[in-house]
Amino acid sequence: MVIVAAVNETERAGAVVEEARTLADRFDDELHVVHVLTRSEFTDIEQEQVKQTGQPAGKQNVEELAADIATELAEQVTDEFTPVGLIGDPDERIVRYAREQDARYTVIGGRKRSPIGKAVFGSTAQSVLMSSDQSVLVVIDS
């Protein structure tokens, strides 16, 4: 089985990877560190690439960029992990990837928000919690 650590470029990424590494060690599982670029970010990267080179970046290249971001974030904590780059809606892609990998746990970052804040702005962590078939651990910043 695997432990999936879903990270973004926030200060919580290190804590997410650290908790996921602890779980992976405890269960002797692989650690997959996942970073998802949104469709909007993908489009921005494509447009910039076309401006610079006249060629589209391509989905595979952008997924590799997302995996590179996952690597940068995880390397600060551990050297034993598989970086994964995905494109799409972060909550949907995280849940789907964890399901495809039959993950034992998905570890994600969260922040303290009021119920109204969650309702108005949404929450990737909340959406993953509600949609996942696997166990989810949310690392809350203090």
N, C-alpha and C. Protein backbone atom coordinates (compact mmCIF):
# COMPACT_ATOMS: atom_id res chain seq x y z
N MET A 1 0.84 -1.19 0.00
CA MET A 1 0.00 0.00 0.00
C MET A 1 0.88 1.25 0.00
N VAL A 2 0.24 2.38 -0.18
CA VAL A 2 0.98 3.64 -0.19
C VAL A 2 0.31 4.65 0.75
N ILE A 3 1.10 5.61 1.14
CA ILE A 3 0.62 6.80 1.84
C ILE A 3 0.74 7.94 0.85
N VAL A 4 -0.34 8.69 0.65
CA VAL A 4 -0.33 9.82 -0.28
C VAL A 4 -0.26 11.11 0.54
N ALA A 5 0.76 11.91 0.28
CA ALA A 5 0.89 13.23 0.89
C ALA A 5 0.57 14.25 -0.20
N ALA A 6 -0.53 14.96 -0.06
CA ALA A 6 -0.93 15.97 -1.03
C ALA A 6 -0.42 17.33 -0.56
N VAL A 7 0.46 17.94 -1.35
CA VAL A 7 1.10 19.18 -0.93
C VAL A 7 0.85 20.31 -1.93
N ASN A 8 0.85 21.51 -1.39
CA ASN A 8 0.87 22.70 -2.23
C ASN A 8 1.98 23.60 -1.70
N GLU A 9 2.17 24.71 -2.34
CA GLU A 9 3.29 25.57 -2.00
C GLU A 9 2.94 26.51 -0.84
N THR A 10 2.71 25.91 0.32
CA THR A 10 2.46 26.66 1.54
C THR A 10 3.41 26.17 2.61
N GLU A 11 3.43 26.88 3.71
CA GLU A 11 4.30 26.49 4.82
C GLU A 11 3.88 25.17 5.45
N ARG A 12 2.68 24.69 5.18
CA ARG A 12 2.21 23.41 5.75
C ARG A 12 2.77 22.20 5.03
N ALA A 13 3.35 22.38 3.87
CA ALA A 13 3.82 21.25 3.06
C ALA A 13 4.80 20.37 3.84
N GLY A 14 5.73 20.98 4.54
CA GLY A 14 6.71 20.20 5.31
C GLY A 14 6.05 19.36 6.38
N ALA A 15 5.08 19.93 7.08
CA ALA A 15 4.38 19.18 8.13
C ALA A 15 3.57 18.04 7.54
N VAL A 16 2.97 18.26 6.37
CA VAL A 16 2.20 17.20 5.70
C VAL A 16 3.12 16.04 5.33
N VAL A 17 4.26 16.35 4.72
CA VAL A 17 5.21 15.30 4.33
C VAL A 17 5.75 14.59 5.56
N GLU A 18 6.04 15.33 6.60
CA GLU A 18 6.56 14.73 7.83
C GLU A 18 5.56 13.73 8.43
N GLU A 19 4.30 14.11 8.52
CA GLU A 19 3.27 13.19 9.04
C GLU A 19 3.11 11.98 8.13
N ALA A 20 3.13 12.21 6.83
CA ALA A 20 2.99 11.11 5.88
C ALA A 20 4.19 10.16 5.97
N ARG A 21 5.38 10.72 6.13
CA ARG A 21 6.59 9.90 6.27
C ARG A 21 6.49 9.02 7.52
N THR A 22 5.99 9.60 8.62
CA THR A 22 5.80 8.84 9.86
C THR A 22 4.86 7.67 9.64
N LEU A 23 3.75 7.92 8.95
CA LEU A 23 2.80 6.84 8.65
C LEU A 23 3.42 5.79 7.74
N ALA A 24 4.13 6.23 6.72
CA ALA A 24 4.76 5.30 5.78
C ALA A 24 5.77 4.40 6.52
N ASP A 25 6.54 4.99 7.42
CA ASP A 25 7.49 4.20 8.21
C ASP A 25 6.78 3.23 9.13
N ARG A 26 5.73 3.71 9.77
CA ARG A 26 4.99 2.88 10.72
C ARG A 26 4.38 1.65 10.04
N PHE A 27 3.84 1.83 8.85
CA PHE A 27 3.17 0.73 8.15
C PHE A 27 4.06 0.07 7.09
N ASP A 28 5.30 0.53 6.98
CA ASP A 28 6.23 0.02 5.98
C ASP A 28 5.62 0.15 4.57
N ASP A 29 5.04 1.33 4.30
CA ASP A 29 4.41 1.64 3.02
C ASP A 29 5.28 2.61 2.24
N GLU A 30 5.03 2.68 0.94
CA GLU A 30 5.66 3.69 0.10
C GLU A 30 5.01 5.04 0.38
N LEU A 31 5.78 6.10 0.17
CA LEU A 31 5.26 7.46 0.29
C LEU A 31 5.21 8.09 -1.10
N HIS A 32 4.03 8.54 -1.50
CA HIS A 32 3.85 9.28 -2.75
C HIS A 32 3.51 10.72 -2.38
N VAL A 33 4.32 11.65 -2.84
CA VAL A 33 4.08 13.07 -2.59
C VAL A 33 3.49 13.66 -3.86
N VAL A 34 2.27 14.15 -3.75
CA VAL A 34 1.47 14.59 -4.90
C VAL A 34 1.29 16.11 -4.87
N HIS A 35 1.54 16.73 -6.03
CA HIS A 35 1.22 18.14 -6.21
C HIS A 35 0.32 18.25 -7.43
N VAL A 36 -0.79 18.98 -7.28
CA VAL A 36 -1.75 19.15 -8.37
C VAL A 36 -1.72 20.59 -8.86
N LEU A 37 -1.49 20.75 -10.15
CA LEU A 37 -1.63 22.06 -10.79
C LEU A 37 -3.06 22.16 -11.33
N THR A 38 -3.71 23.27 -11.07
CA THR A 38 -5.07 23.46 -11.55
C THR A 38 -5.08 23.62 -13.06
N ARG A 39 -6.24 23.49 -13.65
CA ARG A 39 -6.37 23.69 -15.10
C ARG A 39 -5.95 25.13 -15.47
N SER A 40 -6.27 26.07 -14.61
CA SER A 40 -5.90 27.46 -14.85
C SER A 40 -4.37 27.61 -14.87
N GLU A 41 -3.70 26.98 -13.91
CA GLU A 41 -2.24 27.02 -13.89
C GLU A 41 -1.66 26.34 -15.14
N PHE A 42 -2.27 25.22 -15.54
CA PHE A 42 -1.85 24.52 -16.75
C PHE A 42 -1.96 25.45 -17.96
N THR A 43 -3.09 26.13 -18.08
CA THR A 43 -3.31 27.05 -19.20
C THR A 43 -2.28 28.18 -19.19
N ASP A 44 -2.00 28.73 -18.00
CA ASP A 44 -1.00 29.79 -17.89
C ASP A 44 0.38 29.31 -18.34
N ILE A 45 0.75 28.11 -17.92
CA ILE A 45 2.04 27.54 -18.30
C ILE A 45 2.09 27.31 -19.81
N GLU A 46 1.00 26.79 -20.37
CA GLU A 46 0.93 26.55 -21.82
C GLU A 46 1.11 27.86 -22.58
N GLN A 47 0.39 28.90 -22.16
CA GLN A 47 0.47 30.18 -22.85
C GLN A 47 1.88 30.77 -22.77
N GLU A 48 2.49 30.68 -21.61
CA GLU A 48 3.85 31.20 -21.45
C GLU A 48 4.84 30.42 -22.31
N GLN A 49 4.67 29.11 -22.37
CA GLN A 49 5.54 28.26 -23.18
C GLN A 49 5.40 28.61 -24.67
N VAL A 50 4.18 28.82 -25.12
CA VAL A 50 3.95 29.18 -26.52
C VAL A 50 4.59 30.53 -26.83
N LYS A 51 4.47 31.49 -25.91
CA LYS A 51 5.10 32.80 -26.10
C LYS A 51 6.61 32.67 -26.24
N GLN A 52 7.19 31.82 -25.39
CA GLN A 52 8.65 31.71 -25.37
C GLN A 52 9.21 30.86 -26.50
N THR A 53 8.52 29.78 -26.85
CA THR A 53 9.11 28.83 -27.80
C THR A 53 8.28 28.61 -29.06
N GLY A 54 7.04 29.06 -29.04
CA GLY A 54 6.16 28.79 -30.17
C GLY A 54 5.55 27.40 -30.14
N GLN A 55 5.89 26.62 -29.12
CA GLN A 55 5.40 25.25 -28.97
C GLN A 55 4.63 25.13 -27.65
N PRO A 56 3.56 24.35 -27.63
CA PRO A 56 2.87 24.11 -26.36
C PRO A 56 3.73 23.25 -25.45
N ALA A 57 3.54 23.40 -24.15
CA ALA A 57 4.32 22.64 -23.17
C ALA A 57 3.93 21.17 -23.18
N GLY A 58 2.66 20.89 -23.38
CA GLY A 58 2.19 19.51 -23.36
C GLY A 58 1.88 19.05 -21.94
N LYS A 59 0.88 18.20 -21.85
CA LYS A 59 0.41 17.73 -20.54
C LYS A 59 1.52 17.00 -19.77
N GLN A 60 2.27 16.15 -20.46
CA GLN A 60 3.31 15.38 -19.77
C GLN A 60 4.37 16.30 -19.17
N ASN A 61 4.78 17.33 -19.91
CA ASN A 61 5.78 18.26 -19.40
C ASN A 61 5.26 19.03 -18.20
N VAL A 62 3.99 19.41 -18.22
CA VAL A 62 3.42 20.15 -17.10
C VAL A 62 3.27 19.24 -15.89
N GLU A 63 2.89 17.97 -16.12
CA GLU A 63 2.84 17.02 -15.00
C GLU A 63 4.23 16.82 -14.40
N GLU A 64 5.26 16.82 -15.25
CA GLU A 64 6.63 16.71 -14.74
C GLU A 64 6.99 17.94 -13.91
N LEU A 65 6.54 19.11 -14.33
CA LEU A 65 6.76 20.33 -13.55
C LEU A 65 6.09 20.20 -12.19
N ALA A 66 4.86 19.70 -12.16
CA ALA A 66 4.15 19.51 -10.89
C ALA A 66 4.90 18.50 -10.02
N ALA A 67 5.43 17.45 -10.61
CA ALA A 67 6.22 16.47 -9.86
C ALA A 67 7.50 17.10 -9.32
N ASP A 68 8.10 18.00 -10.09
CA ASP A 68 9.29 18.72 -9.61
C ASP A 68 8.96 19.58 -8.40
N ILE A 69 7.79 20.19 -8.41
CA ILE A 69 7.36 20.99 -7.25
C ILE A 69 7.18 20.07 -6.04
N ALA A 70 6.56 18.91 -6.25
CA ALA A 70 6.41 17.93 -5.17
C ALA A 70 7.77 17.53 -4.62
N THR A 71 8.73 17.32 -5.51
CA THR A 71 10.09 16.95 -5.08
C THR A 71 10.71 18.04 -4.23
N GLU A 72 10.63 19.29 -4.69
CA GLU A 72 11.20 20.41 -3.94
C GLU A 72 10.61 20.50 -2.54
N LEU A 73 9.32 20.29 -2.43
CA LEU A 73 8.65 20.40 -1.14
C LEU A 73 8.99 19.23 -0.22
N ALA A 74 9.09 18.03 -0.79
CA ALA A 74 9.33 16.84 0.03
C ALA A 74 10.79 16.68 0.43
N GLU A 75 11.71 17.09 -0.43
CA GLU A 75 13.14 16.90 -0.15
C GLU A 75 13.59 17.60 1.12
N GLN A 76 12.85 18.58 1.56
CA GLN A 76 13.19 19.28 2.79
C GLN A 76 12.97 18.40 4.01
N VAL A 77 12.20 17.32 3.84
CA VAL A 77 11.81 16.46 4.97
C VAL A 77 12.35 15.04 4.84
N THR A 78 12.33 14.49 3.65
CA THR A 78 12.70 13.09 3.46
C THR A 78 13.35 12.88 2.09
N ASP A 79 14.08 11.80 1.97
CA ASP A 79 14.65 11.48 0.66
C ASP A 79 14.06 10.20 0.09
N GLU A 80 13.10 9.61 0.80
CA GLU A 80 12.45 8.39 0.34
C GLU A 80 10.99 8.67 -0.01
N PHE A 81 10.74 8.92 -1.29
CA PHE A 81 9.37 9.20 -1.74
C PHE A 81 9.32 9.12 -3.25
N THR A 82 8.12 9.01 -3.75
CA THR A 82 7.87 9.07 -5.19
C THR A 82 7.12 10.36 -5.47
N PRO A 83 7.70 11.27 -6.27
CA PRO A 83 6.99 12.51 -6.59
C PRO A 83 5.95 12.25 -7.69
N VAL A 84 4.79 12.87 -7.53
CA VAL A 84 3.70 12.70 -8.50
C VAL A 84 3.15 14.07 -8.86
N GLY A 85 3.06 14.35 -10.15
CA GLY A 85 2.48 15.59 -10.63
C GLY A 85 1.19 15.32 -11.37
N LEU A 86 0.15 16.05 -11.01
CA LEU A 86 -1.16 15.88 -11.63
C LEU A 86 -1.70 17.23 -12.07
N ILE A 87 -2.68 17.20 -12.97
CA ILE A 87 -3.34 18.42 -13.45
C ILE A 87 -4.83 18.24 -13.28
N GLY A 88 -5.50 19.29 -12.79
CA GLY A 88 -6.96 19.26 -12.67
C GLY A 88 -7.43 19.91 -11.39
N ASP A 89 -8.64 19.57 -11.01
CA ASP A 89 -9.22 20.07 -9.77
C ASP A 89 -8.52 19.36 -8.61
N PRO A 90 -7.84 20.10 -7.72
CA PRO A 90 -7.03 19.44 -6.70
C PRO A 90 -7.78 18.40 -5.86
N ASP A 91 -8.95 18.73 -5.35
CA ASP A 91 -9.63 17.75 -4.49
C ASP A 91 -10.02 16.50 -5.27
N GLU A 92 -10.53 16.66 -6.48
CA GLU A 92 -10.91 15.49 -7.28
C GLU A 92 -9.71 14.64 -7.65
N ARG A 93 -8.61 15.27 -8.06
CA ARG A 93 -7.42 14.53 -8.48
C ARG A 93 -6.76 13.82 -7.30
N ILE A 94 -6.74 14.46 -6.14
CA ILE A 94 -6.16 13.83 -4.95
C ILE A 94 -6.96 12.58 -4.59
N VAL A 95 -8.27 12.71 -4.53
CA VAL A 95 -9.13 11.57 -4.18
C VAL A 95 -8.99 10.46 -5.21
N ARG A 96 -9.01 10.81 -6.48
CA ARG A 96 -8.91 9.80 -7.53
C ARG A 96 -7.56 9.08 -7.47
N TYR A 97 -6.49 9.85 -7.29
CA TYR A 97 -5.16 9.24 -7.23
C TYR A 97 -5.06 8.29 -6.03
N ALA A 98 -5.54 8.72 -4.88
CA ALA A 98 -5.50 7.85 -3.69
C ALA A 98 -6.30 6.58 -3.92
N ARG A 99 -7.43 6.70 -4.57
CA ARG A 99 -8.27 5.53 -4.87
C ARG A 99 -7.54 4.60 -5.85
N GLU A 100 -6.96 5.16 -6.90
CA GLU A 100 -6.24 4.36 -7.89
C GLU A 100 -5.06 3.61 -7.26
N GLN A 101 -4.42 4.23 -6.29
CA GLN A 101 -3.26 3.63 -5.64
C GLN A 101 -3.64 2.74 -4.45
N ASP A 102 -4.94 2.70 -4.14
CA ASP A 102 -5.41 1.98 -2.95
C ASP A 102 -4.64 2.43 -1.72
N ALA A 103 -4.57 3.75 -1.53
CA ALA A 103 -3.80 4.34 -0.45
C ALA A 103 -4.35 3.95 0.91
N ARG A 104 -3.44 3.70 1.83
CA ARG A 104 -3.83 3.43 3.21
C ARG A 104 -4.32 4.73 3.86
N TYR A 105 -3.59 5.82 3.63
CA TYR A 105 -3.95 7.15 4.13
C TYR A 105 -3.66 8.19 3.06
N THR A 106 -4.44 9.26 3.10
CA THR A 106 -4.13 10.48 2.37
C THR A 106 -3.89 11.54 3.43
N VAL A 107 -2.76 12.22 3.34
CA VAL A 107 -2.41 13.27 4.30
C VAL A 107 -2.46 14.60 3.56
N ILE A 108 -3.23 15.54 4.11
CA ILE A 108 -3.39 16.85 3.49
C ILE A 108 -3.26 17.94 4.54
N GLY A 109 -2.99 19.13 4.09
CA GLY A 109 -2.91 20.28 4.98
C GLY A 109 -4.25 20.97 5.06
N GLY A 110 -4.50 21.56 6.19
CA GLY A 110 -5.72 22.33 6.38
C GLY A 110 -5.41 23.56 7.20
N ARG A 111 -6.34 24.46 7.23
CA ARG A 111 -6.15 25.64 8.08
C ARG A 111 -7.44 25.87 8.84
N LYS A 112 -7.28 26.51 9.97
CA LYS A 112 -8.46 26.79 10.79
C LYS A 112 -9.29 27.86 10.09
N ARG A 113 -10.56 27.54 9.88
CA ARG A 113 -11.49 28.47 9.26
C ARG A 113 -12.83 28.35 9.97
N SER A 114 -13.55 29.43 9.93
CA SER A 114 -14.90 29.38 10.48
C SER A 114 -15.79 28.58 9.53
N PRO A 115 -16.90 28.02 10.03
CA PRO A 115 -17.82 27.32 9.13
C PRO A 115 -18.31 28.20 7.98
N ILE A 116 -18.51 29.48 8.25
CA ILE A 116 -18.95 30.39 7.19
C ILE A 116 -17.85 30.54 6.14
N GLY A 117 -16.61 30.64 6.58
CA GLY A 117 -15.48 30.74 5.65
C GLY A 117 -15.40 29.53 4.74
N LYS A 118 -15.62 28.35 5.30
CA LYS A 118 -15.59 27.12 4.50
C LYS A 118 -16.73 27.11 3.49
N ALA A 119 -17.91 27.55 3.93
CA ALA A 119 -19.08 27.54 3.04
C ALA A 119 -18.92 28.53 1.90
N VAL A 120 -18.36 29.69 2.20
CA VAL A 120 -18.23 30.73 1.19
C VAL A 120 -17.06 30.45 0.24
N PHE A 121 -15.92 30.07 0.79
CA PHE A 121 -14.71 29.92 -0.02
C PHE A 121 -14.39 28.48 -0.39
N GLY A 122 -15.03 27.52 0.24
CA GLY A 122 -14.73 26.12 -0.02
C GLY A 122 -13.44 25.71 0.66
N SER A 123 -13.15 24.45 0.63
CA SER A 123 -11.95 23.95 1.26
C SER A 123 -11.56 22.64 0.59
N THR A 124 -10.35 22.61 0.05
CA THR A 124 -9.87 21.37 -0.56
C THR A 124 -9.84 20.27 0.48
N ALA A 125 -9.34 20.58 1.68
CA ALA A 125 -9.27 19.57 2.74
C ALA A 125 -10.66 19.02 3.06
N GLN A 126 -11.63 19.90 3.19
CA GLN A 126 -12.99 19.46 3.50
C GLN A 126 -13.55 18.59 2.38
N SER A 127 -13.32 18.99 1.15
CA SER A 127 -13.81 18.22 0.01
C SER A 127 -13.16 16.84 -0.07
N VAL A 128 -11.85 16.77 0.18
CA VAL A 128 -11.17 15.48 0.19
C VAL A 128 -11.72 14.60 1.31
N LEU A 129 -11.91 15.18 2.48
CA LEU A 129 -12.48 14.42 3.61
C LEU A 129 -13.84 13.84 3.27
N MET A 130 -14.68 14.63 2.62
CA MET A 130 -16.04 14.19 2.32
C MET A 130 -16.11 13.21 1.15
N SER A 131 -15.13 13.25 0.25
CA SER A 131 -15.20 12.46 -0.97
C SER A 131 -14.36 11.18 -0.96
N SER A 132 -13.44 11.08 -0.03
CA SER A 132 -12.47 9.99 -0.07
C SER A 132 -13.02 8.69 0.49
N ASP A 133 -12.63 7.59 -0.15
CA ASP A 133 -12.94 6.25 0.35
C ASP A 133 -11.87 5.79 1.33
N GLN A 134 -10.69 6.41 1.26
CA GLN A 134 -9.57 6.06 2.12
C GLN A 134 -9.57 6.94 3.36
N SER A 135 -8.78 6.53 4.34
CA SER A 135 -8.61 7.34 5.55
C SER A 135 -7.84 8.60 5.19
N VAL A 136 -8.25 9.72 5.79
CA VAL A 136 -7.61 11.01 5.52
C VAL A 136 -7.15 11.61 6.84
N LEU A 137 -5.90 12.07 6.86
CA LEU A 137 -5.34 12.78 8.00
C LEU A 137 -5.12 14.22 7.58
N VAL A 138 -5.70 15.16 8.32
CA VAL A 138 -5.55 16.58 8.01
C VAL A 138 -4.58 17.19 9.01
N VAL A 139 -3.52 17.81 8.51
CA VAL A 139 -2.54 18.49 9.34
C VAL A 139 -2.95 19.96 9.38
N ILE A 140 -3.34 20.41 10.57
CA ILE A 140 -3.81 21.79 10.75
C ILE A 140 -2.66 22.66 11.22
N ASP A 141 -2.53 23.85 10.61
CA ASP A 141 -1.50 24.77 11.10
C ASP A 141 -1.94 25.36 12.42
N SER A 142 -0.94 25.72 13.21
CA SER A 142 -1.28 26.24 14.55
C SER A 142 -1.28 27.73 14.60
